[in-house]
Amino acid sequence: RFAGRDSLTLTSNETGLNTRRALGEALRERYAEITAMDRA
């Protein structure tokens, strides 16, 4: 859905350093965290 949109500079879970992430992939994980919080 968000293909072609600007990417984001976020933290890599593997290195702890900045990395570039595709917007749609990052939002998929962000929204999953919100849903998990909601469930808790």
Full PDB file with SEQRES, HELIX, SHEET, SSBOND, CRYST1, ORIGX, SCALE, CONECT and MASTER records, all heavy atoms in Angstrom:
SEQRES   1 A   40  ARG PHE ALA GLY ARG ASP SER LEU THR LEU THR SER ASN          
SEQRES   2 A   40  GLU THR GLY LEU ASN THR ARG ARG ALA LEU GLY GLU ALA          
SEQRES   3 A   40  LEU ARG GLU ARG TYR ALA GLU ILE THR ALA MET ASP ARG          
SEQRES   4 A   40  ALA                                                          
HELIX    1 AA1 LEU A   23  ARG A   39  1                                  17    
SHEET    1 AA1 2 LEU A   8  THR A  11  0                                        
SHEET    2 AA1 2 ASN A  18  ARG A  21 -1                                        
CRYST1    1.000    1.000    1.000  90.00  90.00  90.00 P 1           1          
ORIGX1      1.000000  0.000000  0.000000        0.00000                         
ORIGX2      0.000000  1.000000  0.000000        0.00000                         
ORIGX3      0.000000  0.000000  1.000000        0.00000                         
SCALE1      1.000000  0.000000  0.000000        0.00000                         
SCALE2      0.000000  1.000000  0.000000        0.00000                         
SCALE3      0.000000  0.000000  1.000000        0.00000                         
ATOM      1  N   ARG A   1       0.828  -1.210   0.000  1.00  0.00           N  
ATOM      2  CA  ARG A   1       0.000   0.000   0.000  1.00  0.00           C  
ATOM      3  C   ARG A   1       0.863   1.262   0.000  1.00  0.00           C  
ATOM      4  O   ARG A   1       0.512   2.267  -0.619  1.00  0.00           O  
ATOM      5  CB  ARG A   1      -0.919  -0.010   1.216  1.00  0.00           C  
ATOM      6  CG  ARG A   1      -1.909   1.147   1.269  1.00  0.00           C  
ATOM      7  CD  ARG A   1      -2.725   1.077   2.555  1.00  0.00           C  
ATOM      8  NE  ARG A   1      -3.558  -0.111   2.618  1.00  0.00           N  
ATOM      9  CZ  ARG A   1      -4.790  -0.174   2.166  1.00  0.00           C  
ATOM     10  NH1 ARG A   1      -5.348   0.887   1.612  1.00  0.00           N  
ATOM     11  NH2 ARG A   1      -5.491  -1.286   2.269  1.00  0.00           N  
ATOM     12  N   PHE A   2       2.000   1.194   0.704  1.00  0.00           N  
ATOM     13  CA  PHE A   2       2.862   2.373   0.811  1.00  0.00           C  
ATOM     14  C   PHE A   2       4.110   2.268  -0.062  1.00  0.00           C  
ATOM     15  O   PHE A   2       5.080   3.018   0.142  1.00  0.00           O  
ATOM     16  CB  PHE A   2       3.263   2.603   2.267  1.00  0.00           C  
ATOM     17  CG  PHE A   2       2.131   3.082   3.128  1.00  0.00           C  
ATOM     18  CD1 PHE A   2       1.427   2.200   3.932  1.00  0.00           C  
ATOM     19  CD2 PHE A   2       1.744   4.412   3.114  1.00  0.00           C  
ATOM     20  CE1 PHE A   2       0.369   2.630   4.714  1.00  0.00           C  
ATOM     21  CE2 PHE A   2       0.691   4.859   3.892  1.00  0.00           C  
ATOM     22  CZ  PHE A   2      -0.003   3.970   4.696  1.00  0.00           C  
ATOM     23  N   ALA A   3       4.111   1.363  -1.005  1.00  0.00           N  
ATOM     24  CA  ALA A   3       5.254   1.220  -1.901  1.00  0.00           C  
ATOM     25  C   ALA A   3       5.500   2.528  -2.648  1.00  0.00           C  
ATOM     26  O   ALA A   3       4.568   3.186  -3.100  1.00  0.00           O  
ATOM     27  CB  ALA A   3       5.005   0.091  -2.891  1.00  0.00           C  
ATOM     28  N   GLY A   4       6.769   2.899  -2.755  1.00  0.00           N  
ATOM     29  CA  GLY A   4       7.120   4.131  -3.449  1.00  0.00           C  
ATOM     30  C   GLY A   4       7.138   5.355  -2.566  1.00  0.00           C  
ATOM     31  O   GLY A   4       7.582   6.428  -2.992  1.00  0.00           O  
ATOM     32  N   ARG A   5       6.654   5.241  -1.320  1.00  0.00           N  
ATOM     33  CA  ARG A   5       6.701   6.374  -0.403  1.00  0.00           C  
ATOM     34  C   ARG A   5       8.099   6.512   0.173  1.00  0.00           C  
ATOM     35  O   ARG A   5       8.912   5.598   0.140  1.00  0.00           O  
ATOM     36  CB  ARG A   5       5.688   6.177   0.736  1.00  0.00           C  
ATOM     37  CG  ARG A   5       4.238   6.149   0.285  1.00  0.00           C  
ATOM     38  CD  ARG A   5       3.703   7.533   0.007  1.00  0.00           C  
ATOM     39  NE  ARG A   5       3.629   8.318   1.226  1.00  0.00           N  
ATOM     40  CZ  ARG A   5       2.538   8.376   2.006  1.00  0.00           C  
ATOM     41  NH1 ARG A   5       1.454   7.702   1.682  1.00  0.00           N  
ATOM     42  NH2 ARG A   5       2.541   9.130   3.091  1.00  0.00           N  
ATOM     43  N   ASP A   6       8.408   7.668   0.733  1.00  0.00           N  
ATOM     44  CA  ASP A   6       9.724   7.917   1.312  1.00  0.00           C  
ATOM     45  C   ASP A   6      10.035   6.891   2.401  1.00  0.00           C  
ATOM     46  O   ASP A   6       9.157   6.456   3.140  1.00  0.00           O  
ATOM     47  CB  ASP A   6       9.789   9.316   1.914  1.00  0.00           C  
ATOM     48  CG  ASP A   6       9.750  10.408   0.857  1.00  0.00           C  
ATOM     49  OD1 ASP A   6      10.041  10.098  -0.315  1.00  0.00           O  
ATOM     50  OD2 ASP A   6       9.418  11.550   1.210  1.00  0.00           O  
ATOM     51  N   SER A   7      11.310   6.527   2.504  1.00  0.00           N  
ATOM     52  CA  SER A   7      11.745   5.629   3.565  1.00  0.00           C  
ATOM     53  C   SER A   7      12.051   6.427   4.833  1.00  0.00           C  
ATOM     54  O   SER A   7      12.102   7.655   4.813  1.00  0.00           O  
ATOM     55  CB  SER A   7      12.978   4.840   3.123  1.00  0.00           C  
ATOM     56  OG  SER A   7      14.050   5.722   2.805  1.00  0.00           O  
ATOM     57  N   LEU A   8      12.246   5.708   5.931  1.00  0.00           N  
ATOM     58  CA  LEU A   8      12.477   6.333   7.225  1.00  0.00           C  
ATOM     59  C   LEU A   8      13.829   5.922   7.776  1.00  0.00           C  
ATOM     60  O   LEU A   8      14.313   4.814   7.517  1.00  0.00           O  
ATOM     61  CB  LEU A   8      11.397   5.885   8.222  1.00  0.00           C  
ATOM     62  CG  LEU A   8       9.947   6.161   7.869  1.00  0.00           C  
ATOM     63  CD1 LEU A   8       9.029   5.431   8.839  1.00  0.00           C  
ATOM     64  CD2 LEU A   8       9.672   7.656   7.900  1.00  0.00           C  
ATOM     65  N   THR A   9      14.443   6.793   8.556  1.00  0.00           N  
ATOM     66  CA  THR A   9      15.631   6.432   9.316  1.00  0.00           C  
ATOM     67  C   THR A   9      15.191   5.974  10.687  1.00  0.00           C  
ATOM     68  O   THR A   9      14.638   6.751  11.478  1.00  0.00           O  
ATOM     69  CB  THR A   9      16.604   7.623   9.446  1.00  0.00           C  
ATOM     70  OG1 THR A   9      17.029   8.027   8.141  1.00  0.00           O  
ATOM     71  CG2 THR A   9      17.815   7.244  10.278  1.00  0.00           C  
ATOM     72  N   LEU A  10      15.396   4.697  10.980  1.00  0.00           N  
ATOM     73  CA  LEU A  10      14.984   4.095  12.241  1.00  0.00           C  
ATOM     74  C   LEU A  10      16.131   3.269  12.799  1.00  0.00           C  
ATOM     75  O   LEU A  10      17.206   3.195  12.199  1.00  0.00           O  
ATOM     76  CB  LEU A  10      13.744   3.212  12.017  1.00  0.00           C  
ATOM     77  CG  LEU A  10      12.488   3.919  11.507  1.00  0.00           C  
ATOM     78  CD1 LEU A  10      11.435   2.903  11.089  1.00  0.00           C  
ATOM     79  CD2 LEU A  10      11.937   4.854  12.567  1.00  0.00           C  
ATOM     80  N   THR A  11      15.911   2.641  13.933  1.00  0.00           N  
ATOM     81  CA  THR A  11      16.945   1.851  14.587  1.00  0.00           C  
ATOM     82  C   THR A  11      16.861   0.402  14.143  1.00  0.00           C  
ATOM     83  O   THR A  11      15.768  -0.192  14.106  1.00  0.00           O  
ATOM     84  CB  THR A  11      16.796   1.932  16.116  1.00  0.00           C  
ATOM     85  OG1 THR A  11      16.835   3.298  16.518  1.00  0.00           O  
ATOM     86  CG2 THR A  11      17.911   1.171  16.815  1.00  0.00           C  
ATOM     87  N   SER A  12      18.000  -0.192  13.848  1.00  0.00           N  
ATOM     88  CA  SER A  12      18.061  -1.611  13.518  1.00  0.00           C  
ATOM     89  C   SER A  12      18.002  -2.431  14.795  1.00  0.00           C  
ATOM     90  O   SER A  12      18.758  -2.183  15.745  1.00  0.00           O  
ATOM     91  CB  SER A  12      19.358  -1.928  12.766  1.00  0.00           C  
ATOM     92  OG  SER A  12      19.598  -3.320  12.736  1.00  0.00           O  
ATOM     93  N   ASN A  13      17.115  -3.418  14.834  1.00  0.00           N  
ATOM     94  CA  ASN A  13      17.059  -4.320  15.981  1.00  0.00           C  
ATOM     95  C   ASN A  13      18.283  -5.220  16.064  1.00  0.00           C  
ATOM     96  O   ASN A  13      18.582  -5.772  17.129  1.00  0.00           O  
ATOM     97  CB  ASN A  13      15.800  -5.190  15.913  1.00  0.00           C  
ATOM     98  CG  ASN A  13      14.572  -4.488  16.442  1.00  0.00           C  
ATOM     99  OD1 ASN A  13      14.528  -4.108  17.608  1.00  0.00           O  
ATOM    100  ND2 ASN A  13      13.573  -4.318  15.593  1.00  0.00           N  
ATOM    101  N   GLU A  14      18.999  -5.350  14.969  1.00  0.00           N  
ATOM    102  CA  GLU A  14      20.181  -6.200  14.950  1.00  0.00           C  
ATOM    103  C   GLU A  14      21.430  -5.464  15.435  1.00  0.00           C  
ATOM    104  O   GLU A  14      22.228  -6.014  16.193  1.00  0.00           O  
ATOM    105  CB  GLU A  14      20.436  -6.732  13.532  1.00  0.00           C  
ATOM    106  CG  GLU A  14      19.464  -7.803  13.085  1.00  0.00           C  
ATOM    107  CD  GLU A  14      18.065  -7.246  12.808  1.00  0.00           C  
ATOM    108  OE1 GLU A  14      17.972  -6.122  12.258  1.00  0.00           O  
ATOM    109  OE2 GLU A  14      17.077  -7.926  13.141  1.00  0.00           O  
ATOM    110  N   THR A  15      21.614  -4.208  15.021  1.00  0.00           N  
ATOM    111  CA  THR A  15      22.852  -3.489  15.331  1.00  0.00           C  
ATOM    112  C   THR A  15      22.678  -2.386  16.368  1.00  0.00           C  
ATOM    113  O   THR A  15      23.659  -1.934  16.960  1.00  0.00           O  
ATOM    114  CB  THR A  15      23.447  -2.852  14.064  1.00  0.00           C  
ATOM    115  OG1 THR A  15      22.563  -1.794  13.609  1.00  0.00           O  
ATOM    116  CG2 THR A  15      23.607  -3.892  12.963  1.00  0.00           C  
ATOM    117  N   GLY A  16      21.446  -1.917  16.565  1.00  0.00           N  
ATOM    118  CA  GLY A  16      21.214  -0.780  17.454  1.00  0.00           C  
ATOM    119  C   GLY A  16      21.549   0.554  16.820  1.00  0.00           C  
ATOM    120  O   GLY A  16      21.452   1.599  17.468  1.00  0.00           O  
ATOM    121  N   LEU A  17      21.931   0.541  15.539  1.00  0.00           N  
ATOM    122  CA  LEU A  17      22.327   1.752  14.823  1.00  0.00           C  
ATOM    123  C   LEU A  17      21.239   2.148  13.832  1.00  0.00           C  
ATOM    124  O   LEU A  17      20.312   1.380  13.552  1.00  0.00           O  
ATOM    125  CB  LEU A  17      23.652   1.513  14.093  1.00  0.00           C  
ATOM    126  CG  LEU A  17      24.830   1.070  14.973  1.00  0.00           C  
ATOM    127  CD1 LEU A  17      26.040   0.747  14.093  1.00  0.00           C  
ATOM    128  CD2 LEU A  17      25.177   2.141  16.000  1.00  0.00           C  
ATOM    129  N   ASN A  18      21.371   3.350  13.283  1.00  0.00           N  
ATOM    130  CA  ASN A  18      20.399   3.823  12.302  1.00  0.00           C  
ATOM    131  C   ASN A  18      20.445   2.983  11.037  1.00  0.00           C  
ATOM    132  O   ASN A  18      21.510   2.543  10.589  1.00  0.00           O  
ATOM    133  CB  ASN A  18      20.673   5.281  11.939  1.00  0.00           C  
ATOM    134  CG  ASN A  18      20.243   6.236  13.031  1.00  0.00           C  
ATOM    135  OD1 ASN A  18      19.519   5.861  13.948  1.00  0.00           O  
ATOM    136  ND2 ASN A  18      20.678   7.479  12.943  1.00  0.00           N  
ATOM    137  N   THR A  19      19.264   2.786  10.467  1.00  0.00           N  
ATOM    138  CA  THR A  19      19.142   2.094   9.197  1.00  0.00           C  
ATOM    139  C   THR A  19      17.961   2.696   8.453  1.00  0.00           C  
ATOM    140  O   THR A  19      17.107   3.351   9.051  1.00  0.00           O  
ATOM    141  CB  THR A  19      18.942   0.578   9.406  1.00  0.00           C  
ATOM    142  OG1 THR A  19      18.994  -0.089   8.155  1.00  0.00           O  
ATOM    143  CG2 THR A  19      17.589   0.288  10.051  1.00  0.00           C  
ATOM    144  N   ARG A  20      17.920   2.506   7.160  1.00  0.00           N  
ATOM    145  CA  ARG A  20      16.781   2.987   6.368  1.00  0.00           C  
ATOM    146  C   ARG A  20      15.766   1.866   6.229  1.00  0.00           C  
ATOM    147  O   ARG A  20      16.113   0.728   5.936  1.00  0.00           O  
ATOM    148  CB  ARG A  20      17.247   3.448   4.982  1.00  0.00           C  
ATOM    149  CG  ARG A  20      18.189   4.635   4.993  1.00  0.00           C  
ATOM    150  CD  ARG A  20      17.539   5.895   5.520  1.00  0.00           C  
ATOM    151  NE  ARG A  20      16.518   6.426   4.619  1.00  0.00           N  
ATOM    152  CZ  ARG A  20      15.789   7.508   4.887  1.00  0.00           C  
ATOM    153  NH1 ARG A  20      15.948   8.156   6.037  1.00  0.00           N  
ATOM    154  NH2 ARG A  20      14.886   7.942   4.025  1.00  0.00           N  
ATOM    155  N   ARG A  21      14.486   2.217   6.471  1.00  0.00           N  
ATOM    156  CA  ARG A  21      13.415   1.254   6.383  1.00  0.00           C  
ATOM    157  C   ARG A  21      12.336   1.773   5.444  1.00  0.00           C  
ATOM    158  O   ARG A  21      11.981   2.950   5.481  1.00  0.00           O  
ATOM    159  CB  ARG A  21      12.783   1.022   7.761  1.00  0.00           C  
ATOM    160  CG  ARG A  21      13.692   0.434   8.838  1.00  0.00           C  
ATOM    161  CD  ARG A  21      13.986  -1.040   8.576  1.00  0.00           C  
ATOM    162  NE  ARG A  21      12.806  -1.829   8.275  1.00  0.00           N  
ATOM    163  CZ  ARG A  21      11.925  -2.273   9.201  1.00  0.00           C  
ATOM    164  NH1 ARG A  21      12.096  -1.967  10.482  1.00  0.00           N  
ATOM    165  NH2 ARG A  21      10.910  -3.004   8.846  1.00  0.00           N  
ATOM    166  N   ALA A  22      11.780   0.888   4.635  1.00  0.00           N  
ATOM    167  CA  ALA A  22      10.632   1.252   3.809  1.00  0.00           C  
ATOM    168  C   ALA A  22       9.458   1.615   4.714  1.00  0.00           C  
ATOM    169  O   ALA A  22       9.228   0.966   5.743  1.00  0.00           O  
ATOM    170  CB  ALA A  22      10.261   0.107   2.883  1.00  0.00           C  
ATOM    171  N   LEU A  23       8.717   2.657   4.336  1.00  0.00           N  
ATOM    172  CA  LEU A  23       7.641   3.151   5.185  1.00  0.00           C  
ATOM    173  C   LEU A  23       6.618   2.064   5.499  1.00  0.00           C  
ATOM    174  O   LEU A  23       6.231   1.871   6.662  1.00  0.00           O  
ATOM    175  CB  LEU A  23       6.958   4.346   4.508  1.00  0.00           C  
ATOM    176  CG  LEU A  23       5.747   4.932   5.245  1.00  0.00           C  
ATOM    177  CD1 LEU A  23       6.151   5.457   6.616  1.00  0.00           C  
ATOM    178  CD2 LEU A  23       5.096   6.032   4.413  1.00  0.00           C  
ATOM    179  N   GLY A  24       6.166   1.344   4.497  1.00  0.00           N  
ATOM    180  CA  GLY A  24       5.135   0.336   4.728  1.00  0.00           C  
ATOM    181  C   GLY A  24       5.591  -0.770   5.661  1.00  0.00           C  
ATOM    182  O   GLY A  24       4.825  -1.240   6.510  1.00  0.00           O  
ATOM    183  N   GLU A  25       6.845  -1.190   5.538  1.00  0.00           N  
ATOM    184  CA  GLU A  25       7.366  -2.234   6.423  1.00  0.00           C  
ATOM    185  C   GLU A  25       7.452  -1.735   7.863  1.00  0.00           C  
ATOM    186  O   GLU A  25       7.123  -2.462   8.804  1.00  0.00           O  
ATOM    187  CB  GLU A  25       8.741  -2.686   5.925  1.00  0.00           C  
ATOM    188  CG  GLU A  25       8.717  -3.391   4.582  1.00  0.00           C  
ATOM    189  CD  GLU A  25      10.116  -3.700   4.069  1.00  0.00           C  
ATOM    190  OE1 GLU A  25      11.087  -3.355   4.786  1.00  0.00           O  
ATOM    191  OE2 GLU A  25      10.231  -4.280   2.976  1.00  0.00           O  
ATOM    192  N   ALA A  26       7.896  -0.496   8.036  1.00  0.00           N  
ATOM    193  CA  ALA A  26       8.006   0.060   9.381  1.00  0.00           C  
ATOM    194  C   ALA A  26       6.624   0.240  10.019  1.00  0.00           C  
ATOM    195  O   ALA A  26       6.425  -0.080  11.200  1.00  0.00           O  
ATOM    196  CB  ALA A  26       8.746   1.390   9.342  1.00  0.00           C  
ATOM    197  N   LEU A  27       5.659   0.738   9.237  1.00  0.00           N  
ATOM    198  CA  LEU A  27       4.317   0.925   9.784  1.00  0.00           C  
ATOM    199  C   LEU A  27       3.684  -0.409  10.139  1.00  0.00           C  
ATOM    200  O   LEU A  27       2.937  -0.506  11.127  1.00  0.00           O  
ATOM    201  CB  LEU A  27       3.445   1.676   8.786  1.00  0.00           C  
ATOM    202  CG  LEU A  27       3.789   3.146   8.557  1.00  0.00           C  
ATOM    203  CD1 LEU A  27       2.836   3.759   7.536  1.00  0.00           C  
ATOM    204  CD2 LEU A  27       3.762   3.952   9.850  1.00  0.00           C  
ATOM    205  N   ARG A  28       3.949  -1.439   9.366  1.00  0.00           N  
ATOM    206  CA  ARG A  28       3.420  -2.778   9.683  1.00  0.00           C  
ATOM    207  C   ARG A  28       3.850  -3.187  11.090  1.00  0.00           C  
ATOM    208  O   ARG A  28       3.042  -3.685  11.887  1.00  0.00           O  
ATOM    209  CB  ARG A  28       3.920  -3.777   8.637  1.00  0.00           C  
ATOM    210  CG  ARG A  28       3.559  -5.236   8.905  1.00  0.00           C  
ATOM    211  CD  ARG A  28       3.997  -6.092   7.715  1.00  0.00           C  
ATOM    212  NE  ARG A  28       3.768  -7.507   7.934  1.00  0.00           N  
ATOM    213  CZ  ARG A  28       4.716  -8.368   8.296  1.00  0.00           C  
ATOM    214  NH1 ARG A  28       5.967  -7.949   8.476  1.00  0.00           N  
ATOM    215  NH2 ARG A  28       4.422  -9.646   8.464  1.00  0.00           N  
ATOM    216  N   GLU A  29       5.107  -2.946  11.410  1.00  0.00           N  
ATOM    217  CA  GLU A  29       5.612  -3.317  12.734  1.00  0.00           C  
ATOM    218  C   GLU A  29       5.120  -2.357  13.810  1.00  0.00           C  
ATOM    219  O   GLU A  29       4.787  -2.774  14.929  1.00  0.00           O  
ATOM    220  CB  GLU A  29       7.137  -3.371  12.698  1.00  0.00           C  
ATOM    221  CG  GLU A  29       7.667  -4.461  11.781  1.00  0.00           C  
ATOM    222  CD  GLU A  29       9.166  -4.372  11.570  1.00  0.00           C  
ATOM    223  OE1 GLU A  29       9.799  -3.462  12.151  1.00  0.00           O  
ATOM    224  OE2 GLU A  29       9.708  -5.207  10.825  1.00  0.00           O  
ATOM    225  N   ARG A  30       5.067  -1.069  13.497  1.00  0.00           N  
ATOM    226  CA  ARG A  30       4.571  -0.088  14.472  1.00  0.00           C  
ATOM    227  C   ARG A  30       3.126  -0.390  14.857  1.00  0.00           C  
ATOM    228  O   ARG A  30       2.773  -0.413  16.037  1.00  0.00           O  
ATOM    229  CB  ARG A  30       4.683   1.319  13.887  1.00  0.00           C  
ATOM    230  CG  ARG A  30       4.094   2.409  14.786  1.00  0.00           C  
ATOM    231  CD  ARG A  30       4.257   3.806  14.191  1.00  0.00           C  
ATOM    232  NE  ARG A  30       3.599   4.790  15.045  1.00  0.00           N  
ATOM    233  CZ  ARG A  30       4.140   5.358  16.122  1.00  0.00           C  
ATOM    234  NH1 ARG A  30       5.369   5.015  16.480  1.00  0.00           N  
ATOM    235  NH2 ARG A  30       3.494   6.236  16.845  1.00  0.00           N  
ATOM    236  N   TYR A  31       2.301  -0.620  13.853  1.00  0.00           N  
ATOM    237  CA  TYR A  31       0.897  -0.886  14.128  1.00  0.00           C  
ATOM    238  C   TYR A  31       0.716  -2.215  14.867  1.00  0.00           C  
ATOM    239  O   TYR A  31      -0.186  -2.355  15.699  1.00  0.00           O  
ATOM    240  CB  TYR A  31       0.090  -0.874  12.845  1.00  0.00           C  
ATOM    241  CG  TYR A  31       0.051   0.472  12.132  1.00  0.00           C  
ATOM    242  CD1 TYR A  31      -0.421   0.584  10.828  1.00  0.00           C  
ATOM    243  CD2 TYR A  31       0.487   1.635  12.768  1.00  0.00           C  
ATOM    244  CE1 TYR A  31      -0.473   1.814  10.182  1.00  0.00           C  
ATOM    245  CE2 TYR A  31       0.452   2.858  12.131  1.00  0.00           C  
ATOM    246  CZ  TYR A  31      -0.020   2.948  10.827  1.00  0.00           C  
ATOM    247  OH  TYR A  31      -0.057   4.160  10.182  1.00  0.00           O  
ATOM    248  N   ALA A  32       1.576  -3.192  14.590  1.00  0.00           N  
ATOM    249  CA  ALA A  32       1.524  -4.454  15.332  1.00  0.00           C  
ATOM    250  C   ALA A  32       1.806  -4.213  16.809  1.00  0.00           C  
ATOM    251  O   ALA A  32       1.178  -4.838  17.688  1.00  0.00           O  
ATOM    252  CB  ALA A  32       2.528  -5.446  14.750  1.00  0.00           C  
ATOM    253  N   GLU A  33       2.741  -3.301  17.117  1.00  0.00           N  
ATOM    254  CA  GLU A  33       3.021  -2.980  18.518  1.00  0.00           C  
ATOM    255  C   GLU A  33       1.814  -2.327  19.184  1.00  0.00           C  
ATOM    256  O   GLU A  33       1.501  -2.614  20.352  1.00  0.00           O  
ATOM    257  CB  GLU A  33       4.232  -2.050  18.614  1.00  0.00           C  
ATOM    258  CG  GLU A  33       5.564  -2.725  18.351  1.00  0.00           C  
ATOM    259  CD  GLU A  33       6.741  -1.959  18.930  1.00  0.00           C  
ATOM    260  OE1 GLU A  33       6.537  -1.173  19.881  1.00  0.00           O  
ATOM    261  OE2 GLU A  33       7.869  -2.150  18.439  1.00  0.00           O  
ATOM    262  N   ILE A  34       1.143  -1.433  18.472  1.00  0.00           N  
ATOM    263  CA  ILE A  34      -0.032  -0.780  19.048  1.00  0.00           C  
ATOM    264  C   ILE A  34      -1.126  -1.798  19.316  1.00  0.00           C  
ATOM    265  O   ILE A  34      -1.792  -1.769  20.367  1.00  0.00           O  
ATOM    266  CB  ILE A  34      -0.528   0.343  18.113  1.00  0.00           C  
ATOM    267  CG1 ILE A  34       0.512   1.476  18.048  1.00  0.00           C  
ATOM    268  CG2 ILE A  34      -1.881   0.882  18.576  1.00  0.00           C  
ATOM    269  CD1 ILE A  34       0.196   2.564  17.044  1.00  0.00           C  
ATOM    270  N   THR A  35      -1.327  -2.728  18.391  1.00  0.00           N  
ATOM    271  CA  THR A  35      -2.343  -3.765  18.577  1.00  0.00           C  
ATOM    272  C   THR A  35      -1.997  -4.661  19.756  1.00  0.00           C  
ATOM    273  O   THR A  35      -2.880  -5.058  20.537  1.00  0.00           O  
ATOM    274  CB  THR A  35      -2.504  -4.583  17.282  1.00  0.00           C  
ATOM    275  OG1 THR A  35      -3.064  -3.736  16.267  1.00  0.00           O  
ATOM    276  CG2 THR A  35      -3.399  -5.795  17.488  1.00  0.00           C  
ATOM    277  N   ALA A  36      -0.710  -4.992  19.922  1.00  0.00           N  
ATOM    278  CA  ALA A  36      -0.300  -5.820  21.060  1.00  0.00           C  
ATOM    279  C   ALA A  36      -0.525  -5.078  22.383  1.00  0.00           C  
ATOM    280  O   ALA A  36      -0.964  -5.671  23.378  1.00  0.00           O  
ATOM    281  CB  ALA A  36       1.162  -6.223  20.914  1.00  0.00           C  
ATOM    282  N   MET A  37      -0.216  -3.798  22.400  1.00  0.00           N  
ATOM    283  CA  MET A  37      -0.471  -2.991  23.593  1.00  0.00           C  
ATOM    284  C   MET A  37      -1.960  -2.959  23.899  1.00  0.00           C  
ATOM    285  O   MET A  37      -2.383  -3.100  25.063  1.00  0.00           O  
ATOM    286  CB  MET A  37       0.072  -1.572  23.382  1.00  0.00           C  
ATOM    287  CG  MET A  37      -0.172  -0.620  24.522  1.00  0.00           C  
ATOM    288  SD  MET A  37       0.576   1.018  24.246  1.00  0.00           S  
ATOM    289  CE  MET A  37      -0.424   1.626  22.868  1.00  0.00           C  
ATOM    290  N   ASP A  38      -2.763  -2.768  22.875  1.00  0.00           N  
ATOM    291  CA  ASP A  38      -4.220  -2.752  23.026  1.00  0.00           C  
ATOM    292  C   ASP A  38      -4.704  -4.078  23.624  1.00  0.00           C  
ATOM    293  O   ASP A  38      -5.543  -4.095  24.529  1.00  0.00           O  
ATOM    294  CB  ASP A  38      -4.838  -2.498  21.649  1.00  0.00           C  
ATOM    295  CG  ASP A  38      -6.346  -2.360  21.682  1.00  0.00           C  
ATOM    296  OD1 ASP A  38      -6.833  -1.242  21.917  1.00  0.00           O  
ATOM    297  OD2 ASP A  38      -7.036  -3.379  21.459  1.00  0.00           O  
ATOM    298  N   ARG A  39      -4.170  -5.184  23.141  1.00  0.00           N  
ATOM    299  CA  ARG A  39      -4.576  -6.504  23.649  1.00  0.00           C  
ATOM    300  C   ARG A  39      -4.189  -6.664  25.124  1.00  0.00           C  
ATOM    301  O   ARG A  39      -4.947  -7.228  25.928  1.00  0.00           O  
ATOM    302  CB  ARG A  39      -3.942  -7.605  22.813  1.00  0.00           C  
ATOM    303  CG  ARG A  39      -4.370  -9.006  23.240  1.00  0.00           C  
ATOM    304  CD  ARG A  39      -3.858 -10.086  22.304  1.00  0.00           C  
ATOM    305  NE  ARG A  39      -2.413 -10.074  22.193  1.00  0.00           N  
ATOM    306  CZ  ARG A  39      -1.747  -9.683  21.106  1.00  0.00           C  
ATOM    307  NH1 ARG A  39      -2.399  -9.280  20.031  1.00  0.00           N  
ATOM    308  NH2 ARG A  39      -0.426  -9.712  21.087  1.00  0.00           N  
ATOM    309  N   ALA A  40      -3.002  -6.159  25.502  1.00  0.00           N  
ATOM    310  CA  ALA A  40      -2.576  -6.247  26.899  1.00  0.00           C  
ATOM    311  C   ALA A  40      -3.522  -5.453  27.803  1.00  0.00           C  
ATOM    312  O   ALA A  40      -3.852  -5.888  28.916  1.00  0.00           O  
ATOM    313  CB  ALA A  40      -1.139  -5.741  27.035  1.00  0.00           C  
TER     314      ALA A  40                                                      
MASTER        0    0    0    1    2    0    0    6  313    1    0    4          
END                                                                             
